[in-house]
Amino acid sequence: MTVARTDEHTLIQASVDEHMRGRVVSLYGAISRDCPSLGSLMMGWIGDYVGLRWPIAGGAVICIALWAWFYRRRSALAESLGTAPQPGKH
């Protein structure tokens, strides 16, 4: 996990315009720390009413849908991450 997080931060810092770098890294940090606990809280709350089978199935469907969306856009994402940020473009 440490290597993956270091790689993620390096990729973010290399692909984001210099004046936005701190904002993007802090937003990424908040999302990567808070979203899993918020999702767990929501799944547990829904699970109290309908059981755990449906929240887990719903989470799996959401993960598969996001994977499919990113998979279709992988070439555009790779191209945008492979080029340096252009100075003056905001």
Protein backbone atom coordinates (compact mmCIF):
# COMPACT_ATOMS: atom_id res chain seq x y z
CA MET A 1 0.00 0.00 0.00
CA THR A 2 2.87 2.37 0.73
CA VAL A 3 4.36 1.86 -2.73
CA ALA A 4 0.97 2.30 -4.40
CA ARG A 5 0.26 5.54 -2.50
CA THR A 6 3.72 6.87 -3.32
CA ASP A 7 3.17 6.07 -6.99
CA GLU A 8 -0.26 7.71 -6.92
CA HIS A 9 1.12 10.90 -5.39
CA THR A 10 3.99 10.97 -7.88
CA LEU A 11 1.58 10.53 -10.79
CA ILE A 12 -0.72 13.25 -9.47
CA GLN A 13 2.12 15.69 -8.92
CA ALA A 14 3.61 15.00 -12.35
CA SER A 15 0.33 15.37 -14.25
CA VAL A 16 -1.21 18.39 -12.53
CA ASP A 17 -0.40 22.00 -13.32
CA GLU A 18 2.02 23.49 -10.79
CA HIS A 19 -0.33 26.11 -9.31
CA MET A 20 -3.07 23.50 -8.71
CA ARG A 21 -0.84 20.75 -7.31
CA GLY A 22 -1.46 21.36 -3.60
CA ARG A 23 -5.21 21.58 -4.05
CA VAL A 24 -5.41 18.39 -6.07
CA VAL A 25 -3.18 16.41 -3.67
CA SER A 26 -5.20 17.58 -0.65
CA LEU A 27 -8.49 16.73 -2.39
CA TYR A 28 -7.11 13.30 -3.30
CA GLY A 29 -6.04 12.75 0.30
CA ALA A 30 -9.46 13.66 1.64
CA ILE A 31 -11.23 11.41 -0.86
CA SER A 32 -8.92 8.43 -0.35
CA ARG A 33 -9.24 8.61 3.44
CA ASP A 34 -12.88 9.57 3.89
CA CYS A 35 -14.77 7.78 1.12
CA PRO A 36 -14.10 4.20 2.27
CA SER A 37 -15.31 4.95 5.80
CA LEU A 38 -18.33 6.88 4.49
CA GLY A 39 -19.18 3.99 2.14
CA SER A 40 -18.87 1.48 4.98
CA LEU A 41 -21.13 3.59 7.17
CA MET A 42 -23.76 3.82 4.41
CA MET A 43 -23.57 0.09 3.63
CA GLY A 44 -23.95 -0.75 7.32
CA TRP A 45 -26.90 1.61 7.71
CA ILE A 46 -28.66 0.15 4.64
CA GLY A 47 -27.71 -3.34 5.83
CA ASP A 48 -29.63 -2.77 9.07
CA TYR A 49 -32.81 -2.45 7.02
CA VAL A 50 -32.39 -4.91 4.15
CA GLY A 51 -29.54 -7.22 5.22
CA LEU A 52 -25.96 -7.13 3.96
CA ARG A 53 -26.50 -9.00 0.69
CA TRP A 54 -28.04 -6.02 -1.17
CA PRO A 55 -25.57 -3.32 -0.05
CA ILE A 56 -22.60 -5.53 -0.93
CA ALA A 57 -24.13 -6.40 -4.30
CA GLY A 58 -24.81 -2.70 -4.93
CA GLY A 59 -21.22 -1.82 -4.05
CA ALA A 60 -19.98 -4.51 -6.42
CA VAL A 61 -22.17 -3.16 -9.24
CA ILE A 62 -20.86 0.36 -8.64
CA CYS A 63 -17.24 -0.86 -8.67
CA ILE A 64 -17.78 -2.83 -11.89
CA ALA A 65 -19.51 0.14 -13.55
CA LEU A 66 -16.65 2.48 -12.60
CA TRP A 67 -14.09 -0.04 -13.81
CA ALA A 68 -15.91 -0.37 -17.16
CA TRP A 69 -16.09 3.43 -17.55
CA PHE A 70 -12.37 3.85 -16.83
CA TYR A 71 -11.49 0.86 -18.99
CA ARG A 72 -13.23 2.44 -22.01
CA ARG A 73 -11.40 5.71 -21.39
CA ARG A 74 -8.00 4.16 -20.66
CA SER A 75 -6.29 5.36 -23.85
CA ALA A 76 -7.43 8.96 -23.33
CA LEU A 77 -6.40 8.81 -19.68
CA ALA A 78 -3.00 7.32 -20.53
CA GLU A 79 -2.43 9.98 -23.17
CA SER A 80 -3.33 12.81 -20.81
CA LEU A 81 -1.13 11.40 -18.05
CA GLY A 82 1.76 10.84 -20.44
CA THR A 83 2.06 14.50 -21.38
CA ALA A 84 3.37 17.24 -19.15
CA PRO A 85 0.98 20.02 -18.08
CA GLN A 86 1.01 22.95 -20.47
CA PRO A 87 2.05 26.25 -18.89
CA GLY A 88 -0.66 28.87 -19.10
CA LYS A 89 -3.49 26.38 -19.74
CA HIS A 90 -5.98 26.31 -16.88
